[in-house]
Amino acid sequence: MIIESTQVESPVSEAPRAGPERKAEGATRLISLDAFRGMVMVLMLAEHMRLPEVARAFPHSGLWRLIAFNTQHVEWQGCSLHDLIQPAFSFLVGAALPFSIASRKMKGQTFGPMLGHAVRRALLLIVLGIFLRSLWSPQTYFTFEDTLTQIGLGYVFLFLLGFTRPRTQVVTLVLILICFWAAFALYPAPSPQFDYTRVGVPQNWPQNYTGFLSHWNKNSNLAWAFDVWFLNLFPREQPFVFNEGGWSTLSFIPTLGTMILGLLAGEWLKGNGSKQQKLRGLVVAGTGLLLFGLVCQWAGICPIVKRVWTSSYTLYSGGWVVLLLAGFYALIEWKGWRRWAFPLVVVGMNSIAVYVMSWTMTGFFGDALDRHFGRAISVMAGTTFQPVLHGFAVMLIFWLILFWMYRRRIFLRI
């Protein structure tokens, strides 16, 4: 990992230069991508406001029920706004790649060095993901369902696809979705006598499926069986039996599918069409993906489950992400309304920095706020809203650090 003060680059973006150089790079960069990425990171940081906890104080409020639903993961089937954070981050990796490749070609880089850089980047993402997940463990905690490790596992494949035609990218995406679905469908479903309590699932858990969809039940599916074998190849404090949340390593395969959706979107936005044509294409594609994912679930073909990143979830979440990107593109690139997005751009241009900060510095700043301003925060916000104000204060500290870095052109690069 490198800290640079001249060129900005992260696994999800390449930042612009100042002055005349910025104009030269205009064809290889979209501010809307930075702003969208910044919104995704802000949604991730918003966890610190603990809004679902606050919502419990208002059990009869429909608004707070809506807020609570969209600020935490769903138990199994379905998708909340919070569930879109990881697919949006992964999608943006793919969306930025065409611009990154074009920028590197303009600088005279050839395929070999770029491939070597992609391999190093992938390895660093995997290592960084494991490192951050191990912060509170007495030994290295080998896990591969983290956002960074999932991206790292598929990044080299994504890079290679970036040099192919869109038709090849679409065919690869379709094959990934069909093969991943078929692998789950062909793996034996849990029998009626399966002891779910042995794998951390209540026996009569209402989220368990019956019939064909039981192939995707929590901690009794193909991804769970793979991890029982794979994760126990690494040194562990105790043998891996199940993941409490049902997250899995094999999700990196459909996550690659999400990144390919981003790659296709990036190629589309980088093309020669008018802004209206590009916006229309995003809206049509996003709506189509969303509906296709819903049809797969309604028809009983494949459920929408983020924790194993089902093929229908790839389509459904991809549809929402594309539509959100379309909104940012319409406001910033088509309408030209950019000033409002500046706070988000500051975050989006240093996404790796804020990701690492959220893992390593939240406790430090949170404790400092409690120590020096805890009583004042409680008086101002009251007992109910104290977590909201406290979390917002941590987010504001992070933003001020990122703004300081932005002004001094200090960016974290992998």
Protein backbone atom coordinates (compact mmCIF):
# COMPACT_ATOMS: atom_id res chain seq x y z
CA MET A 1 0.00 0.00 0.00
CA ILE A 2 1.32 3.41 -1.02
CA ILE A 3 0.44 6.95 0.01
CA GLU A 4 0.77 9.37 -2.90
CA SER A 5 0.39 13.11 -3.20
CA THR A 6 0.52 13.40 -6.97
CA GLN A 7 -1.78 10.84 -8.57
CA VAL A 8 -4.78 9.35 -6.87
CA GLU A 9 -5.69 5.74 -7.37
CA SER A 10 -7.56 3.14 -5.39
CA PRO A 11 -8.99 -0.26 -6.24
CA VAL A 12 -12.17 1.48 -7.25
CA SER A 13 -11.04 4.69 -8.88
CA GLU A 14 -8.38 6.86 -10.35
CA ALA A 15 -8.57 10.43 -9.14
CA PRO A 16 -8.08 13.51 -11.28
CA ARG A 17 -5.17 15.85 -11.42
CA ALA A 18 -5.42 19.58 -10.97
CA GLY A 19 -5.65 22.37 -13.55
CA PRO A 20 -5.02 21.63 -17.23
CA GLU A 21 -4.19 18.01 -16.48
CA ARG A 22 -7.72 17.53 -15.13
CA LYS A 23 -9.12 18.55 -18.53
CA ALA A 24 -6.84 16.06 -20.26
CA GLU A 25 -8.22 13.30 -18.10
CA GLY A 26 -11.83 14.41 -18.46
CA ALA A 27 -12.52 11.68 -21.00
CA THR A 28 -11.35 9.01 -18.57
CA ARG A 29 -13.27 10.06 -15.45
CA LEU A 30 -16.79 10.72 -14.22
CA ILE A 31 -17.48 12.76 -11.09
CA SER A 32 -20.76 10.88 -10.67
CA LEU A 33 -18.82 7.66 -10.00
CA ASP A 34 -16.84 9.36 -7.22
CA ALA A 35 -19.98 10.84 -5.70
CA PHE A 36 -21.83 7.51 -5.85
CA ARG A 37 -18.86 5.75 -4.26
CA GLY A 38 -18.82 8.40 -1.55
CA MET A 39 -22.50 7.79 -0.81
CA VAL A 40 -21.81 4.06 -0.52
CA MET A 41 -19.04 4.69 2.02
CA VAL A 42 -21.24 7.13 3.97
CA LEU A 43 -23.96 4.47 4.19
CA MET A 44 -21.33 2.09 5.54
CA LEU A 45 -20.21 4.63 8.16
CA ALA A 46 -23.83 5.30 9.12
CA GLU A 47 -23.77 1.99 11.00
CA HIS A 48 -22.12 3.97 13.81
CA MET A 49 -25.36 5.91 14.38
CA ARG A 50 -27.06 2.62 15.41
CA LEU A 51 -30.38 3.63 13.91
CA PRO A 52 -32.00 0.18 14.31
CA GLU A 53 -31.45 0.48 18.07
CA VAL A 54 -33.02 3.93 18.12
CA ALA A 55 -36.00 2.61 16.16
CA ARG A 56 -36.87 0.26 19.00
CA ALA A 57 -37.89 3.29 21.03
CA PHE A 58 -40.64 3.97 18.46
CA PRO A 59 -42.31 0.57 17.95
CA HIS A 60 -45.49 2.08 16.46
CA SER A 61 -43.78 4.39 13.96
CA GLY A 62 -43.86 3.26 10.34
CA LEU A 63 -41.10 5.71 9.46
CA TRP A 64 -38.75 4.28 12.07
CA ARG A 65 -39.59 0.73 10.98
CA LEU A 66 -38.59 1.73 7.46
CA ILE A 67 -35.37 3.33 8.73
CA ALA A 68 -34.55 0.26 10.83
CA PHE A 69 -35.14 -2.11 7.91
CA ASN A 70 -32.89 -0.15 5.57
CA THR A 71 -29.99 0.35 8.00
CA GLN A 72 -29.30 -3.31 8.73
CA HIS A 73 -28.99 -6.59 6.84
CA VAL A 74 -32.12 -8.67 6.31
CA GLU A 75 -32.11 -12.00 8.11
CA TRP A 76 -31.95 -14.09 4.93
CA GLN A 77 -34.29 -13.50 1.99
CA GLY A 78 -34.77 -10.00 0.63
CA CYS A 79 -32.70 -6.86 0.32
CA SER A 80 -32.49 -3.60 2.24
CA LEU A 81 -30.58 -0.43 1.41
CA HIS A 82 -27.87 -1.64 3.77
CA ASP A 83 -27.63 -4.85 1.75
CA LEU A 84 -26.74 -2.78 -1.33
CA ILE A 85 -23.52 -1.36 0.15
CA GLN A 86 -21.27 -4.29 -0.76
CA PRO A 87 -22.70 -4.88 -4.26
CA ALA A 88 -22.48 -1.14 -4.99
CA PHE A 89 -18.84 -1.05 -3.87
CA SER A 90 -18.07 -4.13 -5.98
CA PHE A 91 -20.02 -2.77 -8.95
CA LEU A 92 -18.00 0.45 -8.86
CA VAL A 93 -14.77 -1.53 -9.06
CA GLY A 94 -15.92 -2.76 -12.46
CA ALA A 95 -17.36 0.60 -13.53
CA ALA A 96 -14.03 2.35 -12.90
CA LEU A 97 -11.94 -0.25 -14.73
CA PRO A 98 -12.53 0.95 -18.35
CA PHE A 99 -11.49 4.46 -17.32
CA SER A 100 -8.46 3.12 -15.46
CA ILE A 101 -7.32 1.03 -18.43
CA ALA A 102 -7.77 3.99 -20.79
CA SER A 103 -5.79 6.25 -18.47
CA ARG A 104 -2.93 3.77 -18.21
CA LYS A 105 -2.83 3.28 -21.97
CA MET A 106 -2.59 7.05 -22.42
CA LYS A 107 0.49 6.95 -20.20
CA GLY A 108 2.07 4.33 -22.45
CA GLN A 109 1.65 1.30 -20.19
CA THR A 110 1.46 -2.08 -21.89
CA PHE A 111 -0.61 -5.14 -21.00
CA GLY A 112 2.15 -7.00 -19.12
CA PRO A 113 2.87 -4.35 -16.48
CA MET A 114 -0.85 -3.66 -16.09
CA LEU A 115 -1.54 -7.36 -15.49
CA GLY A 116 1.25 -7.51 -12.93
CA HIS A 117 -0.25 -4.53 -11.16
CA ALA A 118 -3.68 -6.17 -11.19
CA VAL A 119 -2.26 -9.34 -9.59
CA ARG A 120 -0.49 -7.31 -6.88
CA ARG A 121 -3.64 -5.30 -6.26
CA ALA A 122 -5.73 -8.45 -5.89
CA LEU A 123 -3.28 -9.99 -3.42
CA LEU A 124 -3.10 -6.79 -1.37
CA LEU A 125 -6.89 -6.59 -1.19
CA ILE A 126 -7.08 -10.16 0.09
CA VAL A 127 -4.32 -9.60 2.64
CA LEU A 128 -5.81 -6.31 3.82
CA GLY A 129 -9.25 -7.88 4.22
CA ILE A 130 -7.84 -10.73 6.33
CA PHE A 131 -5.71 -8.28 8.35
CA LEU A 132 -8.69 -6.08 9.23
CA ARG A 133 -10.84 -9.07 10.15
CA SER A 134 -8.07 -10.31 12.44
CA LEU A 135 -7.76 -7.12 14.50
CA TRP A 136 -9.59 -8.56 17.52
CA SER A 137 -8.36 -12.14 17.15
CA PRO A 138 -5.41 -13.68 19.02
CA GLN A 139 -4.14 -15.11 15.72
CA THR A 140 -4.66 -14.56 12.00
CA TYR A 141 -8.35 -15.01 11.28
CA PHE A 142 -8.54 -16.53 7.82
CA THR A 143 -11.86 -15.54 6.34
CA PHE A 144 -12.75 -14.68 2.75
CA GLU A 145 -16.30 -13.32 2.86
CA ASP A 146 -15.12 -9.78 3.61
CA THR A 147 -15.76 -7.10 0.96
CA LEU A 148 -12.07 -6.59 0.16
CA THR A 149 -11.20 -10.29 -0.04
CA GLN A 150 -14.24 -10.98 -2.23
CA ILE A 151 -13.16 -8.26 -4.65
CA GLY A 152 -9.55 -9.43 -4.54
CA LEU A 153 -10.45 -13.04 -5.36
CA GLY A 154 -12.17 -11.97 -8.57
CA TYR A 155 -10.20 -8.89 -9.55
CA VAL A 156 -7.67 -10.48 -11.91
CA PHE A 157 -10.49 -12.17 -13.85
CA LEU A 158 -12.28 -8.83 -14.04
CA PHE A 159 -9.12 -7.14 -15.31
CA LEU A 160 -8.69 -9.71 -18.07
CA LEU A 161 -12.33 -9.27 -19.08
CA GLY A 162 -11.67 -5.54 -19.35
CA PHE A 163 -9.68 -6.27 -22.53
CA THR A 164 -12.49 -8.27 -24.15
CA ARG A 165 -15.54 -7.23 -26.14
CA PRO A 166 -18.80 -6.48 -24.31
CA ARG A 167 -20.32 -9.61 -25.88
CA THR A 168 -17.67 -11.74 -24.18
CA GLN A 169 -18.34 -9.97 -20.90
CA VAL A 170 -22.09 -10.61 -21.17
CA VAL A 171 -21.57 -14.30 -22.02
CA THR A 172 -19.22 -14.66 -19.04
CA LEU A 173 -21.77 -13.03 -16.75
CA VAL A 174 -24.56 -15.33 -17.94
CA LEU A 175 -22.37 -18.40 -17.48
CA ILE A 176 -21.43 -17.33 -13.96
CA LEU A 177 -25.07 -16.84 -12.96
CA ILE A 178 -26.30 -20.09 -14.52
CA CYS A 179 -23.41 -22.25 -13.26
CA PHE A 180 -23.55 -20.80 -9.74
CA TRP A 181 -27.31 -21.44 -9.59
CA ALA A 182 -26.90 -24.96 -10.98
CA ALA A 183 -24.17 -25.82 -8.48
CA PHE A 184 -26.50 -25.00 -5.57
CA ALA A 185 -29.44 -26.72 -7.21
CA LEU A 186 -27.46 -29.93 -7.78
CA TYR A 187 -25.97 -30.05 -4.28
CA PRO A 188 -28.18 -32.24 -2.04
CA ALA A 189 -30.79 -30.28 -0.13
CA PRO A 190 -30.91 -30.77 3.66
CA SER A 191 -33.05 -33.74 4.65
CA PRO A 192 -36.09 -33.33 6.94
CA GLN A 193 -33.92 -34.82 9.70
CA PHE A 194 -31.12 -32.26 9.23
CA ASP A 195 -30.06 -30.83 12.59
CA TYR A 196 -30.05 -27.09 11.95
CA THR A 197 -29.13 -26.31 15.55
CA ARG A 198 -25.74 -27.94 14.90
CA VAL A 199 -24.96 -25.18 12.39
CA GLY A 200 -26.31 -22.22 14.37
CA VAL A 201 -29.83 -22.11 12.88
CA PRO A 202 -32.99 -22.57 14.97
CA GLN A 203 -34.76 -25.77 13.96
CA ASN A 204 -38.01 -24.01 13.06
CA TRP A 205 -36.43 -20.79 11.81
CA PRO A 206 -39.09 -19.05 9.68
CA GLN A 207 -36.50 -18.12 7.05
CA ASN A 208 -35.85 -21.79 6.16
CA TYR A 209 -37.25 -22.84 2.80
CA THR A 210 -39.06 -26.04 1.90
CA GLY A 211 -39.07 -27.85 -1.40
CA PHE A 212 -36.68 -26.87 -4.19
CA LEU A 213 -35.60 -23.59 -2.56
CA SER A 214 -34.26 -25.49 0.47
CA HIS A 215 -31.07 -25.88 -1.58
CA TRP A 216 -30.36 -22.31 -0.42
CA ASN A 217 -31.12 -22.75 3.28
CA LYS A 218 -28.71 -21.19 5.75
CA ASN A 219 -25.59 -23.20 6.68
CA SER A 220 -26.82 -26.31 4.90
CA ASN A 221 -25.99 -25.45 1.30
CA LEU A 222 -23.10 -25.84 -1.12
CA ALA A 223 -21.29 -22.70 0.05
CA TRP A 224 -21.43 -23.83 3.68
CA ALA A 225 -20.09 -27.30 2.77
CA PHE A 226 -17.24 -25.72 0.79
CA ASP A 227 -16.22 -23.53 3.72
CA VAL A 228 -16.32 -26.45 6.17
CA TRP A 229 -13.62 -27.99 3.97
CA PHE A 230 -11.76 -24.90 2.74
CA LEU A 231 -11.51 -22.77 5.88
CA ASN A 232 -10.27 -25.72 7.93
CA LEU A 233 -7.21 -25.91 5.68
CA PHE A 234 -5.94 -22.81 7.53
CA PRO A 235 -4.74 -22.65 11.14
CA ARG A 236 -7.65 -21.73 13.40
CA GLU A 237 -8.34 -21.40 17.10
CA GLN A 238 -11.01 -24.07 16.66
CA PRO A 239 -12.36 -25.97 13.65
CA PHE A 240 -14.75 -24.05 11.41
CA VAL A 241 -18.28 -25.44 11.69
CA PHE A 242 -20.46 -22.61 10.39
CA ASN A 243 -20.57 -18.86 9.87
CA GLU A 244 -23.06 -17.31 12.25
CA GLY A 245 -24.41 -14.99 9.57
CA GLY A 246 -24.34 -17.57 6.78
CA TRP A 247 -21.72 -15.60 4.79
CA SER A 248 -19.50 -17.66 2.51
CA THR A 249 -16.26 -17.68 0.53
CA LEU A 250 -17.87 -18.84 -2.72
CA SER A 251 -19.80 -15.58 -2.91
CA PHE A 252 -16.77 -14.16 -4.69
CA ILE A 253 -17.98 -15.90 -7.86
CA PRO A 254 -21.30 -14.02 -8.19
CA THR A 255 -19.55 -10.94 -6.77
CA LEU A 256 -17.42 -11.14 -9.90
CA GLY A 257 -20.74 -11.12 -11.77
CA THR A 258 -21.65 -7.87 -10.00
CA MET A 259 -18.27 -6.41 -10.96
CA ILE A 260 -18.89 -7.45 -14.59
CA LEU A 261 -22.18 -5.54 -14.47
CA GLY A 262 -20.12 -2.55 -13.37
CA LEU A 263 -17.61 -3.19 -16.16
CA LEU A 264 -20.42 -3.15 -18.72
CA ALA A 265 -21.84 0.05 -17.21
CA GLY A 266 -18.39 1.65 -17.30
CA GLU A 267 -17.93 0.72 -20.96
CA TRP A 268 -21.37 2.14 -21.73
CA LEU A 269 -20.63 5.44 -19.94
CA LYS A 270 -17.22 5.69 -21.59
CA GLY A 271 -18.77 5.27 -25.05
CA ASN A 272 -19.59 7.96 -27.60
CA GLY A 273 -23.34 8.19 -27.06
CA SER A 274 -25.06 11.33 -25.82
CA LYS A 275 -25.66 11.83 -22.11
CA GLN A 276 -29.38 11.30 -22.63
CA GLN A 277 -28.74 8.00 -24.43
CA LYS A 278 -26.39 6.84 -21.68
CA LEU A 279 -28.88 7.78 -18.98
CA ARG A 280 -31.71 6.03 -20.81
CA GLY A 281 -29.57 2.91 -21.18
CA LEU A 282 -28.82 2.84 -17.45
CA VAL A 283 -32.49 3.18 -16.53
CA VAL A 284 -33.59 0.45 -18.95
CA ALA A 285 -30.80 -1.92 -17.86
CA GLY A 286 -31.38 -1.29 -14.16
CA THR A 287 -35.12 -1.85 -14.43
CA GLY A 288 -34.62 -5.02 -16.47
CA LEU A 289 -32.12 -6.50 -14.01
CA LEU A 290 -34.33 -5.71 -11.04
CA LEU A 291 -37.41 -7.30 -12.60
CA PHE A 292 -35.48 -10.36 -13.78
CA GLY A 293 -34.19 -10.96 -10.26
CA LEU A 294 -37.71 -10.66 -8.84
CA VAL A 295 -39.12 -13.06 -11.45
CA CYS A 296 -36.50 -15.67 -10.51
CA GLN A 297 -37.67 -15.50 -6.92
CA TRP A 298 -41.41 -15.31 -7.65
CA ALA A 299 -41.17 -18.29 -9.98
CA GLY A 300 -39.44 -20.35 -7.28
CA ILE A 301 -36.26 -20.69 -9.37
CA CYS A 302 -33.79 -18.91 -7.10
CA PRO A 303 -34.31 -16.82 -3.94
CA ILE A 304 -32.88 -13.34 -3.42
CA VAL A 305 -30.33 -13.98 -0.65
CA LYS A 306 -27.33 -11.70 -0.16
CA ARG A 307 -25.49 -13.85 2.38
CA VAL A 308 -24.72 -16.48 -0.27
CA TRP A 309 -25.02 -13.90 -3.09
CA THR A 310 -27.48 -15.95 -5.13
CA SER A 311 -27.75 -15.39 -8.87
CA SER A 312 -31.13 -13.70 -8.45
CA TYR A 313 -29.60 -11.42 -5.80
CA THR A 314 -26.84 -10.50 -8.26
CA LEU A 315 -29.51 -9.43 -10.75
CA TYR A 316 -31.81 -7.73 -8.23
CA SER A 317 -29.11 -5.81 -6.35
CA GLY A 318 -27.38 -5.01 -9.63
CA GLY A 319 -30.60 -3.47 -10.89
CA TRP A 320 -30.90 -1.19 -7.87
CA VAL A 321 -27.24 -0.20 -8.08
CA VAL A 322 -27.54 0.68 -11.78
CA LEU A 323 -30.64 2.77 -11.07
CA LEU A 324 -28.86 4.59 -8.24
CA LEU A 325 -25.92 5.26 -10.55
CA ALA A 326 -28.39 6.56 -13.13
CA GLY A 327 -29.67 9.04 -10.54
CA PHE A 328 -26.18 10.33 -9.82
CA TYR A 329 -25.36 10.46 -13.53
CA ALA A 330 -28.55 12.42 -14.26
CA LEU A 331 -27.90 15.04 -11.59
CA ILE A 332 -24.15 15.46 -12.03
CA GLU A 333 -23.27 14.66 -15.64
CA TRP A 334 -26.55 15.36 -17.46
CA LYS A 335 -27.93 18.31 -15.45
CA GLY A 336 -24.48 19.54 -14.41
CA TRP A 337 -25.42 19.97 -10.73
CA ARG A 338 -22.09 19.18 -9.07
CA ARG A 339 -21.60 21.38 -6.02
CA TRP A 340 -24.01 19.42 -3.82
CA ALA A 341 -21.94 16.27 -4.39
CA PHE A 342 -18.62 17.70 -3.18
CA PRO A 343 -18.84 16.20 0.36
CA LEU A 344 -19.48 12.79 -1.20
CA VAL A 345 -16.64 13.20 -3.72
CA VAL A 346 -14.22 13.87 -0.84
CA VAL A 347 -15.17 10.49 0.63
CA GLY A 348 -15.40 8.63 -2.66
CA MET A 349 -11.93 9.63 -3.83
CA ASN A 350 -10.36 8.05 -0.74
CA SER A 351 -12.54 4.99 -0.37
CA ILE A 352 -9.81 2.62 0.81
CA ALA A 353 -8.66 5.15 3.40
CA VAL A 354 -12.14 5.53 4.88
CA TYR A 355 -12.69 1.76 4.79
CA VAL A 356 -9.53 1.18 6.82
CA MET A 357 -10.37 4.07 9.14
CA SER A 358 -13.78 2.58 9.87
CA TRP A 359 -12.12 -0.63 11.04
CA THR A 360 -9.19 0.84 12.95
CA MET A 361 -10.17 4.29 14.24
CA THR A 362 -13.85 4.14 15.16
CA GLY A 363 -13.18 2.92 18.68
CA PHE A 364 -10.44 5.48 19.27
CA PHE A 365 -12.54 8.47 18.25
CA GLY A 366 -15.67 7.06 19.85
CA ASP A 367 -13.91 6.65 23.20
CA ALA A 368 -12.40 10.14 22.92
CA LEU A 369 -15.83 11.65 22.30
CA ASP A 370 -17.25 9.80 25.32
CA ARG A 371 -14.34 10.91 27.48
CA HIS A 372 -14.45 14.59 26.62
CA PHE A 373 -17.97 15.28 25.34
CA GLY A 374 -20.05 12.31 26.48
CA ARG A 375 -22.14 14.28 28.96
CA ALA A 376 -22.72 17.14 26.51
CA ILE A 377 -23.82 14.71 23.79
CA SER A 378 -26.26 13.03 26.16
CA VAL A 379 -27.74 16.37 27.24
CA MET A 380 -28.13 17.62 23.65
CA ALA A 381 -29.52 14.39 22.17
CA GLY A 382 -31.17 12.72 25.13
CA THR A 383 -30.89 9.04 25.93
CA THR A 384 -32.77 7.89 22.84
CA PHE A 385 -30.85 9.86 20.22
CA GLN A 386 -27.45 9.79 21.92
CA PRO A 387 -26.17 7.00 19.57
CA VAL A 388 -27.23 9.05 16.54
CA LEU A 389 -25.37 12.19 17.56
CA HIS A 390 -22.37 10.19 18.78
CA GLY A 391 -22.15 8.25 15.53
CA PHE A 392 -22.62 11.38 13.43
CA ALA A 393 -19.78 13.05 15.33
CA VAL A 394 -17.47 10.11 14.51
CA MET A 395 -18.49 10.36 10.85
CA LEU A 396 -17.81 14.11 10.86
CA ILE A 397 -14.32 13.52 12.28
CA PHE A 398 -13.64 11.01 9.53
CA TRP A 399 -14.88 13.44 6.88
CA LEU A 400 -12.67 16.25 8.21
CA ILE A 401 -9.65 13.93 8.02
CA LEU A 402 -10.56 12.98 4.46
CA PHE A 403 -11.07 16.65 3.56
CA TRP A 404 -7.62 17.45 4.96
CA MET A 405 -6.18 14.65 2.83
CA TYR A 406 -8.14 15.86 -0.21
CA ARG A 407 -6.85 19.43 0.12
CA ARG A 408 -3.27 18.16 0.36
CA ARG A 409 -3.78 15.59 -2.40
CA ILE A 410 -2.94 12.69 -0.11
CA PHE A 411 -4.67 9.53 -1.28
CA LEU A 412 -4.33 5.90 -0.35
CA ARG A 413 -3.34 3.75 -3.29
CA ILE A 414 -3.25 0.01 -3.74
